[in-house]
Amino acid sequence: MTRRGWSLLVTMGVVWGVPYLLIKVAVDQVTPATVVLARTGVGALLLLPFALRRGGLGVLRGRWPAVLAFAVLELVVPWILLSNAERTLPSSTTGLLVATVPLAAVVIGRVVDREHVALVRWVGLAVALGGVALLLGPGAAAGDPWAVVQVLVAALGYATAPIVADRWLRGVPSIPLTTACLSVTALGYLPVVLLEGPHERPGTDAVLALVALGVVCTALAFVVFFRLIEEVGAARSTLVAYLNPVVAVALGALVLDEPVTITVVAATAIILAGSAAASHRPRHAAPTVPDASQDQGGPESATRAAPPVGLSP
């Protein structure tokens, strides 16, 4: 991997490890629905000019059912569940639980596609589930098992969304697709937020957190992520998923004074090791998502391959 590739990879690991901290700050003062609306609304507005340069939303003609399904699995459901869960869960625990996405992907691949699962992947699945069980020990889940369930359901959505993208959204330009999904989500949560009113004015820290979520962790993050795909390919870009939880745990400890206990450290190591083993594929196995680095049509055509999803918190 080139120096530029490593730089983009680390950048994405940090950018998508930060949202757990920002969500935690925001939900102390605003509702989870407001968090989702602010993030998707700002992200959609900022990405719209890029989408128009790539053909606008007209390129999605005939694919809207798949776009809506993708949006529900990747944004509409996961983001509200994560925001609601972080009202009680530490941001670090939330980040670690989202790292179980590869585990759900193994099971879904086996059930939906009858995919052969090698022994090493089953072992990885068992190991990572042990890490999750460790997190759910006495006091580790903030005494709120329902919040844990919500995060795991969000992870299930992240693991299912790539199937929709792979089967029905291949060849769709990534930025128009992302813009459409963000717009649909924002429009869906707008009436929810209005019905929740009247709202108290949030403090400066919550407002800054919401702006950062929309600008940095959504709009800028997707643009940089597509550049990462162009540079290192779709398969290697999924390494971001193993950096996010480490960043989430570190920021939770440094900024929010969340305790980094032996249990948290052990669970982090176990979940990441198990997820890595569960994601292992033979070198000759074709990736689920087309590798953009193999596209010979240049940067513009590289973004036309459906990106690996289920990575954005």
Protein backbone atom coordinates (compact mmCIF):
# COMPACT_ATOMS: atom_id res chain seq x y z
CA MET A 1 0.00 0.00 0.00
CA THR A 2 1.31 3.46 -0.86
CA ARG A 3 2.00 6.22 1.65
CA ARG A 4 -1.05 8.06 0.35
CA GLY A 5 -3.12 4.92 0.84
CA TRP A 6 -2.00 4.55 4.46
CA SER A 7 -2.65 8.24 5.06
CA LEU A 8 -6.21 7.97 3.73
CA LEU A 9 -6.80 4.76 5.68
CA VAL A 10 -5.70 6.29 8.98
CA THR A 11 -7.71 9.44 8.24
CA MET A 12 -10.85 7.39 7.70
CA GLY A 13 -10.19 5.34 10.80
CA VAL A 14 -10.12 8.53 12.84
CA VAL A 15 -13.01 10.27 11.06
CA TRP A 16 -15.33 7.28 11.48
CA GLY A 17 -14.14 6.65 15.03
CA VAL A 18 -15.14 10.17 16.13
CA PRO A 19 -18.95 9.96 15.60
CA TYR A 20 -19.49 7.87 18.74
CA LEU A 21 -18.02 10.68 20.82
CA LEU A 22 -20.00 13.39 18.99
CA ILE A 23 -23.26 11.46 19.23
CA LYS A 24 -22.72 11.01 22.96
CA VAL A 25 -22.23 14.77 23.37
CA ALA A 26 -25.27 15.62 21.23
CA VAL A 27 -27.82 13.21 22.75
CA ASP A 28 -27.26 14.74 26.17
CA GLN A 29 -29.12 17.81 24.90
CA VAL A 30 -31.14 16.89 21.80
CA THR A 31 -33.28 13.92 20.79
CA PRO A 32 -31.83 11.01 18.78
CA ALA A 33 -34.09 11.94 15.85
CA THR A 34 -32.63 15.45 15.87
CA VAL A 35 -29.13 14.00 15.73
CA VAL A 36 -30.01 11.93 12.66
CA LEU A 37 -31.82 14.83 10.96
CA ALA A 38 -28.97 17.28 11.52
CA ARG A 39 -26.31 14.86 10.37
CA THR A 40 -28.07 13.67 7.23
CA GLY A 41 -29.45 17.09 6.31
CA VAL A 42 -26.06 18.82 6.49
CA GLY A 43 -24.36 15.90 4.74
CA ALA A 44 -26.89 15.86 1.90
CA LEU A 45 -26.61 19.61 1.28
CA LEU A 46 -22.81 19.47 1.14
CA LEU A 47 -22.70 16.42 -1.16
CA LEU A 48 -25.39 17.67 -3.54
CA PRO A 49 -23.00 19.76 -5.71
CA PHE A 50 -20.72 16.71 -6.10
CA ALA A 51 -23.73 14.56 -6.98
CA LEU A 52 -24.85 17.02 -9.66
CA ARG A 53 -21.39 16.87 -11.25
CA ARG A 54 -21.81 13.09 -11.52
CA GLY A 55 -25.15 13.10 -13.28
CA GLY A 56 -27.45 14.14 -10.46
CA LEU A 57 -30.08 11.90 -8.95
CA GLY A 58 -31.33 11.02 -12.43
CA VAL A 59 -28.75 8.22 -12.53
CA LEU A 60 -30.88 6.44 -9.92
CA ARG A 61 -33.89 6.19 -12.23
CA GLY A 62 -35.42 2.72 -12.03
CA ARG A 63 -33.43 1.86 -8.90
CA TRP A 64 -35.34 3.74 -6.23
CA PRO A 65 -36.77 0.66 -4.48
CA ALA A 66 -33.21 -0.61 -3.96
CA VAL A 67 -32.03 2.87 -2.96
CA LEU A 68 -34.76 3.10 -0.32
CA ALA A 69 -33.97 -0.38 1.00
CA PHE A 70 -30.29 0.50 1.15
CA ALA A 71 -31.03 3.77 2.96
CA VAL A 72 -33.19 2.01 5.54
CA LEU A 73 -30.54 -0.63 6.26
CA GLU A 74 -27.54 1.71 6.23
CA LEU A 75 -28.90 4.99 7.66
CA VAL A 76 -32.56 5.24 8.65
CA VAL A 77 -32.58 2.40 11.17
CA PRO A 78 -28.92 2.13 12.35
CA TRP A 79 -28.35 5.83 13.00
CA ILE A 80 -31.45 6.28 15.16
CA LEU A 81 -30.66 3.09 17.10
CA LEU A 82 -27.05 4.13 17.72
CA SER A 83 -28.09 7.62 18.82
CA ASN A 84 -30.76 6.27 21.15
CA ALA A 85 -28.43 3.63 22.59
CA GLU A 86 -25.78 6.21 23.41
CA ARG A 87 -28.17 7.94 25.79
CA THR A 88 -27.09 5.25 28.26
CA LEU A 89 -24.16 3.32 26.72
CA PRO A 90 -20.61 4.68 26.82
CA SER A 91 -19.42 5.78 23.38
CA SER A 92 -16.54 3.29 23.58
CA THR A 93 -18.88 0.34 24.18
CA THR A 94 -21.04 1.42 21.25
CA GLY A 95 -18.01 1.56 18.96
CA LEU A 96 -16.88 -1.90 20.03
CA LEU A 97 -20.31 -3.43 19.51
CA VAL A 98 -20.52 -1.98 15.99
CA ALA A 99 -17.27 -3.83 15.24
CA THR A 100 -19.39 -7.00 15.17
CA VAL A 101 -20.58 -6.14 11.65
CA PRO A 102 -18.27 -8.78 10.04
CA LEU A 103 -19.79 -11.42 12.31
CA ALA A 104 -23.30 -10.64 11.14
CA ALA A 105 -22.01 -10.62 7.55
CA VAL A 106 -20.73 -14.19 7.93
CA VAL A 107 -24.10 -15.46 9.13
CA ILE A 108 -26.07 -13.51 6.53
CA GLY A 109 -23.79 -14.72 3.74
CA ARG A 110 -24.32 -18.29 4.86
CA VAL A 111 -28.12 -17.96 5.07
CA VAL A 112 -28.80 -15.78 2.02
CA ASP A 113 -26.14 -16.90 -0.45
CA ARG A 114 -25.40 -20.35 0.97
CA GLU A 115 -21.80 -19.17 1.06
CA HIS A 116 -19.21 -21.69 2.21
CA VAL A 117 -17.74 -20.58 5.52
CA ALA A 118 -14.27 -21.88 6.31
CA LEU A 119 -13.45 -23.19 9.77
CA VAL A 120 -11.23 -20.19 10.56
CA ARG A 121 -14.19 -17.88 10.01
CA TRP A 122 -16.44 -19.89 12.33
CA VAL A 123 -13.69 -19.80 14.95
CA GLY A 124 -13.38 -16.04 14.50
CA LEU A 125 -17.14 -15.71 14.87
CA ALA A 126 -17.06 -17.65 18.16
CA VAL A 127 -14.08 -15.67 19.48
CA ALA A 128 -15.63 -12.29 18.70
CA LEU A 129 -18.93 -13.31 20.27
CA GLY A 130 -16.92 -14.13 23.37
CA GLY A 131 -15.66 -10.54 23.34
CA VAL A 132 -19.23 -9.27 23.07
CA ALA A 133 -20.24 -11.48 25.99
CA LEU A 134 -17.36 -10.00 27.97
CA LEU A 135 -18.69 -6.51 27.27
CA LEU A 136 -22.11 -7.56 28.53
CA GLY A 137 -20.79 -8.68 31.89
CA PRO A 138 -21.99 -7.13 35.16
CA GLY A 139 -21.91 -3.34 34.88
CA ALA A 140 -20.18 -3.35 31.49
CA ALA A 141 -23.29 -2.41 29.50
CA ALA A 142 -24.34 0.42 31.81
CA GLY A 143 -27.16 -1.76 33.11
CA ASP A 144 -29.13 -1.31 29.87
CA PRO A 145 -29.28 -4.52 27.81
CA TRP A 146 -31.90 -2.93 25.50
CA ALA A 147 -29.32 -0.35 24.42
CA VAL A 148 -26.94 -3.19 23.56
CA VAL A 149 -29.65 -4.88 21.51
CA GLN A 150 -30.21 -1.65 19.58
CA VAL A 151 -26.51 -1.42 18.65
CA LEU A 152 -26.44 -5.06 17.56
CA VAL A 153 -29.54 -4.51 15.39
CA ALA A 154 -27.78 -1.51 13.83
CA ALA A 155 -24.77 -3.75 13.12
CA LEU A 156 -27.13 -6.23 11.47
CA GLY A 157 -28.39 -3.47 9.18
CA TYR A 158 -24.82 -2.50 8.30
CA ALA A 159 -24.07 -6.13 7.42
CA THR A 160 -27.19 -6.52 5.26
CA ALA A 161 -26.89 -3.27 3.29
CA PRO A 162 -23.96 -4.51 1.14
CA ILE A 163 -26.16 -7.32 -0.19
CA VAL A 164 -28.63 -4.76 -1.53
CA ALA A 165 -25.80 -2.67 -3.00
CA ASP A 166 -24.12 -5.69 -4.57
CA ARG A 167 -27.26 -7.13 -6.15
CA TRP A 168 -29.23 -4.08 -7.23
CA LEU A 169 -26.99 -1.00 -7.11
CA ARG A 170 -23.90 -2.08 -9.03
CA GLY A 171 -22.73 0.59 -11.45
CA VAL A 172 -24.51 3.39 -9.59
CA PRO A 173 -22.23 6.39 -8.93
CA SER A 174 -21.40 6.40 -5.24
CA ILE A 175 -21.83 10.09 -4.44
CA PRO A 176 -25.31 10.46 -6.02
CA LEU A 177 -26.31 7.26 -4.22
CA THR A 178 -25.02 8.57 -0.89
CA THR A 179 -26.66 11.97 -1.44
CA ALA A 180 -30.00 10.33 -2.22
CA CYS A 181 -29.82 8.12 0.88
CA LEU A 182 -28.92 11.04 3.13
CA SER A 183 -31.73 13.16 1.63
CA VAL A 184 -34.32 10.39 2.04
CA THR A 185 -33.28 9.89 5.65
CA ALA A 186 -33.39 13.61 6.43
CA LEU A 187 -36.84 13.99 4.87
CA GLY A 188 -38.07 11.00 6.83
CA TYR A 189 -36.91 12.36 10.18
CA LEU A 190 -37.98 15.97 9.60
CA PRO A 191 -41.65 15.36 10.55
CA VAL A 192 -40.53 13.23 13.51
CA VAL A 193 -38.44 16.09 14.89
CA LEU A 194 -41.25 18.58 14.30
CA LEU A 195 -43.71 16.37 16.16
CA GLU A 196 -41.28 16.05 19.07
CA GLY A 197 -41.23 19.82 19.53
CA PRO A 198 -41.01 22.27 21.07
CA HIS A 199 -37.29 21.77 21.56
CA GLU A 200 -35.05 23.54 24.01
CA ARG A 201 -32.12 25.38 22.46
CA PRO A 202 -29.05 23.12 22.67
CA GLY A 203 -25.77 24.36 24.05
CA THR A 204 -22.76 25.30 21.96
CA ASP A 205 -21.09 21.94 22.50
CA ALA A 206 -24.11 20.03 21.17
CA VAL A 207 -24.44 22.35 18.16
CA LEU A 208 -20.76 21.94 17.31
CA ALA A 209 -21.10 18.18 17.68
CA LEU A 210 -24.03 18.11 15.24
CA VAL A 211 -22.21 20.30 12.71
CA ALA A 212 -19.10 18.13 12.95
CA LEU A 213 -21.19 15.00 12.46
CA GLY A 214 -22.72 16.39 9.28
CA VAL A 215 -19.69 18.12 7.79
CA VAL A 216 -16.74 15.95 8.83
CA CYS A 217 -18.13 12.53 9.73
CA THR A 218 -20.67 12.35 6.91
CA ALA A 219 -20.05 14.60 3.88
CA LEU A 220 -16.25 14.86 4.04
CA ALA A 221 -15.94 11.26 5.25
CA PHE A 222 -17.70 9.80 2.22
CA VAL A 223 -15.67 11.89 -0.20
CA VAL A 224 -12.42 10.79 1.44
CA PHE A 225 -13.64 7.20 1.60
CA PHE A 226 -14.23 7.12 -2.15
CA ARG A 227 -10.69 8.45 -2.63
CA LEU A 228 -9.47 5.64 -0.39
CA ILE A 229 -11.25 3.08 -2.58
CA GLU A 230 -9.61 4.56 -5.67
CA GLU A 231 -6.21 4.40 -4.02
CA VAL A 232 -6.20 0.97 -2.33
CA GLY A 233 -9.22 -0.86 -3.70
CA ALA A 234 -12.50 -1.85 -2.10
CA ALA A 235 -11.17 -4.91 -0.27
CA ARG A 236 -8.35 -3.11 1.56
CA SER A 237 -10.56 -0.13 2.37
CA THR A 238 -12.55 -2.33 4.75
CA LEU A 239 -9.53 -2.23 7.11
CA VAL A 240 -11.10 1.02 8.33
CA ALA A 241 -13.54 -1.12 10.32
CA TYR A 242 -10.69 -2.29 12.58
CA LEU A 243 -9.44 1.23 13.34
CA ASN A 244 -12.80 2.78 14.26
CA PRO A 245 -13.33 0.94 17.58
CA VAL A 246 -9.82 1.73 18.80
CA VAL A 247 -10.37 5.44 18.10
CA ALA A 248 -13.81 5.31 19.77
CA VAL A 249 -12.37 3.76 22.94
CA ALA A 250 -9.45 6.21 23.05
CA LEU A 251 -11.64 9.29 22.55
CA GLY A 252 -14.19 8.08 25.07
CA ALA A 253 -11.43 7.81 27.66
CA LEU A 254 -9.59 11.03 26.80
CA VAL A 255 -12.54 13.36 26.22
CA LEU A 256 -15.44 11.88 28.18
CA ASP A 257 -13.45 10.23 30.96
CA GLU A 258 -15.05 6.87 30.18
CA PRO A 259 -13.21 4.14 32.10
CA VAL A 260 -10.80 1.95 30.14
CA THR A 261 -10.92 -1.15 32.28
CA ILE A 262 -9.17 -4.46 31.75
CA THR A 263 -12.52 -5.76 30.54
CA VAL A 264 -12.76 -3.06 27.83
CA VAL A 265 -9.17 -3.63 26.68
CA ALA A 266 -9.64 -7.40 26.57
CA ALA A 267 -12.99 -7.11 24.76
CA THR A 268 -11.44 -4.75 22.20
CA ALA A 269 -8.64 -7.20 21.41
CA ILE A 270 -10.94 -10.23 21.31
CA ILE A 271 -13.63 -8.61 19.13
CA LEU A 272 -11.14 -7.19 16.63
CA ALA A 273 -9.17 -10.45 16.40
CA GLY A 274 -12.34 -12.48 15.99
CA SER A 275 -13.81 -10.09 13.43
CA ALA A 276 -10.59 -10.18 11.42
CA ALA A 277 -10.65 -13.99 11.39
CA ALA A 278 -14.36 -14.05 10.53
CA SER A 279 -13.70 -11.69 7.60
CA HIS A 280 -10.83 -13.81 6.26
CA ARG A 281 -11.25 -14.96 2.68
CA PRO A 282 -8.88 -16.92 0.45
CA ARG A 283 -6.93 -14.71 -1.93
CA HIS A 284 -8.63 -16.25 -4.92
CA ALA A 285 -12.10 -15.44 -3.55
CA ALA A 286 -13.83 -12.58 -5.31
CA PRO A 287 -14.76 -9.66 -3.08
CA THR A 288 -18.41 -9.02 -2.47
CA VAL A 289 -18.02 -5.49 -3.77
CA PRO A 290 -16.13 -4.69 -6.97
CA ASP A 291 -12.58 -3.56 -6.35
CA ALA A 292 -12.45 0.01 -7.64
CA SER A 293 -8.68 -0.15 -7.96
CA GLN A 294 -9.10 -2.63 -10.81
CA ASP A 295 -11.34 -0.28 -12.78
CA GLN A 296 -9.39 1.10 -15.71
CA GLY A 297 -11.79 3.96 -16.37
CA GLY A 298 -10.09 6.48 -14.11
CA PRO A 299 -11.26 8.19 -10.91
CA GLU A 300 -14.74 8.99 -12.19
CA SER A 301 -15.48 5.41 -13.18
CA ALA A 302 -13.90 4.16 -9.97
CA THR A 303 -16.64 5.82 -7.97
CA ARG A 304 -19.22 4.00 -10.07
CA ALA A 305 -18.56 0.73 -8.30
CA ALA A 306 -20.77 0.33 -5.26
CA PRO A 307 -18.56 1.07 -2.24
CA PRO A 308 -18.17 -1.33 0.64
CA VAL A 309 -20.77 -0.17 3.10
CA GLY A 310 -21.65 -0.94 6.66
CA LEU A 311 -18.57 0.96 7.79
CA SER A 312 -20.02 4.37 8.57
CA PRO A 313 -21.12 4.79 12.19
